[in-house]
């Protein structure tokens, strides 16, 4: 997969949770500027969180993805759906 850009930021990291992707971008003009966005369809970026520290940006990326994961898990529990079992779990049955 080729590199992606958005608003002058090179996307360097991404985490997919459900239909949402969370990305971290590095400014190509100012290497000390970072942003995390939520993203849909690999080209619609929204809710940018801007940072001047790479570790803070990485932490924000993980926190945003973690919050979405928690939301999806809670939604699943409320609907009564069972989480998909891994291959090893299916083998034990």
C-alpha atoms as a PDB file:
ATOM      1  CA  UNK A   1       0.000   0.000   0.000  1.00  0.00           C
ATOM      2  CA  UNK A   2       1.347   3.435  -0.927  1.00  0.00           C
ATOM      3  CA  UNK A   3       1.757   6.320   1.457  1.00  0.00           C
ATOM      4  CA  UNK A   4      -1.220   8.513   2.247  1.00  0.00           C
ATOM      5  CA  UNK A   5      -1.354  12.252   2.800  1.00  0.00           C
ATOM      6  CA  UNK A   6      -3.988  14.510   4.271  1.00  0.00           C
ATOM      7  CA  UNK A   7      -3.791  18.280   4.703  1.00  0.00           C
ATOM      8  CA  UNK A   8       0.013  18.293   4.527  1.00  0.00           C
ATOM      9  CA  UNK A   9       0.444  15.366   6.929  1.00  0.00           C
ATOM     10  CA  UNK A  10       1.973  12.013   6.023  1.00  0.00           C
ATOM     11  CA  UNK A  11      -0.079   9.185   7.565  1.00  0.00           C
ATOM     12  CA  UNK A  12       2.404   6.981   9.406  1.00  0.00           C
ATOM     13  CA  UNK A  13       0.230   4.778  11.630  1.00  0.00           C
ATOM     14  CA  UNK A  14      -3.324   3.479  11.589  1.00  0.00           C
ATOM     15  CA  UNK A  15      -5.617   1.299  13.668  1.00  0.00           C
ATOM     16  CA  UNK A  16      -8.894  -0.116  12.339  1.00  0.00           C
ATOM     17  CA  UNK A  17     -11.774  -0.648  14.765  1.00  0.00           C
ATOM     18  CA  UNK A  18     -14.953  -1.732  13.025  1.00  0.00           C
ATOM     19  CA  UNK A  19     -15.635   0.650  10.175  1.00  0.00           C
ATOM     20  CA  UNK A  20     -13.548   3.458  11.680  1.00  0.00           C
ATOM     21  CA  UNK A  21      -9.842   3.910  11.191  1.00  0.00           C
ATOM     22  CA  UNK A  22      -7.732   6.050  13.505  1.00  0.00           C
ATOM     23  CA  UNK A  23      -4.593   7.511  11.973  1.00  0.00           C
ATOM     24  CA  UNK A  24      -1.508   9.414  13.048  1.00  0.00           C
ATOM     25  CA  UNK A  25       0.012  11.952  10.689  1.00  0.00           C
ATOM     26  CA  UNK A  26       3.339  13.805  10.677  1.00  0.00           C
ATOM     27  CA  UNK A  27       3.533  17.273   9.139  1.00  0.00           C
ATOM     28  CA  UNK A  28       5.741  17.332   6.062  1.00  0.00           C
ATOM     29  CA  UNK A  29       6.414  21.051   6.587  1.00  0.00           C
ATOM     30  CA  UNK A  30       7.113  20.957  10.325  1.00  0.00           C
ATOM     31  CA  UNK A  31       8.358  17.553  11.507  1.00  0.00           C
ATOM     32  CA  UNK A  32       7.506  18.436  15.119  1.00  0.00           C
ATOM     33  CA  UNK A  33       3.765  18.677  14.384  1.00  0.00           C
ATOM     34  CA  UNK A  34       1.540  15.607  14.652  1.00  0.00           C
ATOM     35  CA  UNK A  35      -2.171  14.889  14.329  1.00  0.00           C
ATOM     36  CA  UNK A  36      -4.533  12.024  14.965  1.00  0.00           C
ATOM     37  CA  UNK A  37      -7.772  11.747  13.022  1.00  0.00           C
ATOM     38  CA  UNK A  38     -10.718   9.412  12.829  1.00  0.00           C
ATOM     39  CA  UNK A  39     -11.138   8.304   9.231  1.00  0.00           C
ATOM     40  CA  UNK A  40     -13.848   6.694   7.110  1.00  0.00           C
ATOM     41  CA  UNK A  41     -13.298   5.192   3.676  1.00  0.00           C
ATOM     42  CA  UNK A  42      -9.534   5.884   3.811  1.00  0.00           C
ATOM     43  CA  UNK A  43     -10.028   9.473   2.622  1.00  0.00           C
ATOM     44  CA  UNK A  44     -12.545  11.215   4.913  1.00  0.00           C
ATOM     45  CA  UNK A  45     -10.589  12.514   7.919  1.00  0.00           C
ATOM     46  CA  UNK A  46     -12.328  14.205  10.842  1.00  0.00           C
ATOM     47  CA  UNK A  47     -11.972  15.142  14.539  1.00  0.00           C
ATOM     48  CA  UNK A  48      -8.311  16.063  14.381  1.00  0.00           C
ATOM     49  CA  UNK A  49      -6.299  16.178  17.594  1.00  0.00           C
ATOM     50  CA  UNK A  50      -3.074  18.151  17.090  1.00  0.00           C
ATOM     51  CA  UNK A  51       0.148  17.576  19.050  1.00  0.00           C
ATOM     52  CA  UNK A  52       3.723  18.881  19.192  1.00  0.00           C
ATOM     53  CA  UNK A  53       5.072  15.663  20.757  1.00  0.00           C
ATOM     54  CA  UNK A  54       5.217  12.297  18.955  1.00  0.00           C
ATOM     55  CA  UNK A  55       4.668  10.205  22.085  1.00  0.00           C
ATOM     56  CA  UNK A  56       1.628  12.281  23.053  1.00  0.00           C
ATOM     57  CA  UNK A  57       0.243  11.770  19.546  1.00  0.00           C
ATOM     58  CA  UNK A  58       0.837   7.998  19.724  1.00  0.00           C
ATOM     59  CA  UNK A  59      -0.845   7.873  23.129  1.00  0.00           C
ATOM     60  CA  UNK A  60      -3.810   9.803  21.738  1.00  0.00           C
ATOM     61  CA  UNK A  61      -4.037   7.396  18.767  1.00  0.00           C
ATOM     62  CA  UNK A  62      -4.156   4.393  21.118  1.00  0.00           C
ATOM     63  CA  UNK A  63      -6.649   6.058  23.466  1.00  0.00           C
ATOM     64  CA  UNK A  64      -9.000   6.955  20.614  1.00  0.00           C
ATOM     65  CA  UNK A  65      -8.853   3.441  19.179  1.00  0.00           C
ATOM     66  CA  UNK A  66      -9.293   1.963  22.669  1.00  0.00           C
ATOM     67  CA  UNK A  67     -12.359   4.108  23.343  1.00  0.00           C
ATOM     68  CA  UNK A  68     -13.928   2.982  20.066  1.00  0.00           C
ATOM     69  CA  UNK A  69     -13.131  -0.645  20.885  1.00  0.00           C
ATOM     70  CA  UNK A  70     -14.810  -0.279  24.292  1.00  0.00           C
ATOM     71  CA  UNK A  71     -17.845   1.299  22.608  1.00  0.00           C
ATOM     72  CA  UNK A  72     -18.080  -1.558  20.090  1.00  0.00           C
ATOM     73  CA  UNK A  73     -17.751  -4.184  22.840  1.00  0.00           C
ATOM     74  CA  UNK A  74     -20.461  -2.514  24.947  1.00  0.00           C
ATOM     75  CA  UNK A  75     -22.714  -2.264  21.899  1.00  0.00           C
ATOM     76  CA  UNK A  76     -22.146  -5.958  21.191  1.00  0.00           C
ATOM     77  CA  UNK A  77     -22.918  -6.944  24.791  1.00  0.00           C
ATOM     78  CA  UNK A  78     -26.146  -4.944  24.762  1.00  0.00           C
ATOM     79  CA  UNK A  79     -27.296  -6.595  21.552  1.00  0.00           C
ATOM     80  CA  UNK A  80     -26.583 -10.052  22.990  1.00  0.00           C
ATOM     81  CA  UNK A  81     -24.201 -10.978  20.190  1.00  0.00           C
ATOM     82  CA  UNK A  82     -21.452 -13.415  21.015  1.00  0.00           C
ATOM     83  CA  UNK A  83     -17.919 -12.394  20.059  1.00  0.00           C
ATOM     84  CA  UNK A  84     -16.451 -14.401  17.221  1.00  0.00           C
ATOM     85  CA  UNK A  85     -14.288 -17.230  18.529  1.00  0.00           C
ATOM     86  CA  UNK A  86     -10.731 -17.739  17.403  1.00  0.00           C
ATOM     87  CA  UNK A  87      -9.720 -20.903  15.583  1.00  0.00           C
ATOM     88  CA  UNK A  88      -8.160 -22.346  18.751  1.00  0.00           C
ATOM     89  CA  UNK A  89     -11.329 -21.699  20.770  1.00  0.00           C
ATOM     90  CA  UNK A  90     -13.459 -23.424  18.107  1.00  0.00           C
ATOM     91  CA  UNK A  91     -11.079 -26.425  18.125  1.00  0.00           C
ATOM     92  CA  UNK A  92     -11.633 -26.922  21.873  1.00  0.00           C
ATOM     93  CA  UNK A  93     -15.410 -27.271  21.496  1.00  0.00           C
END
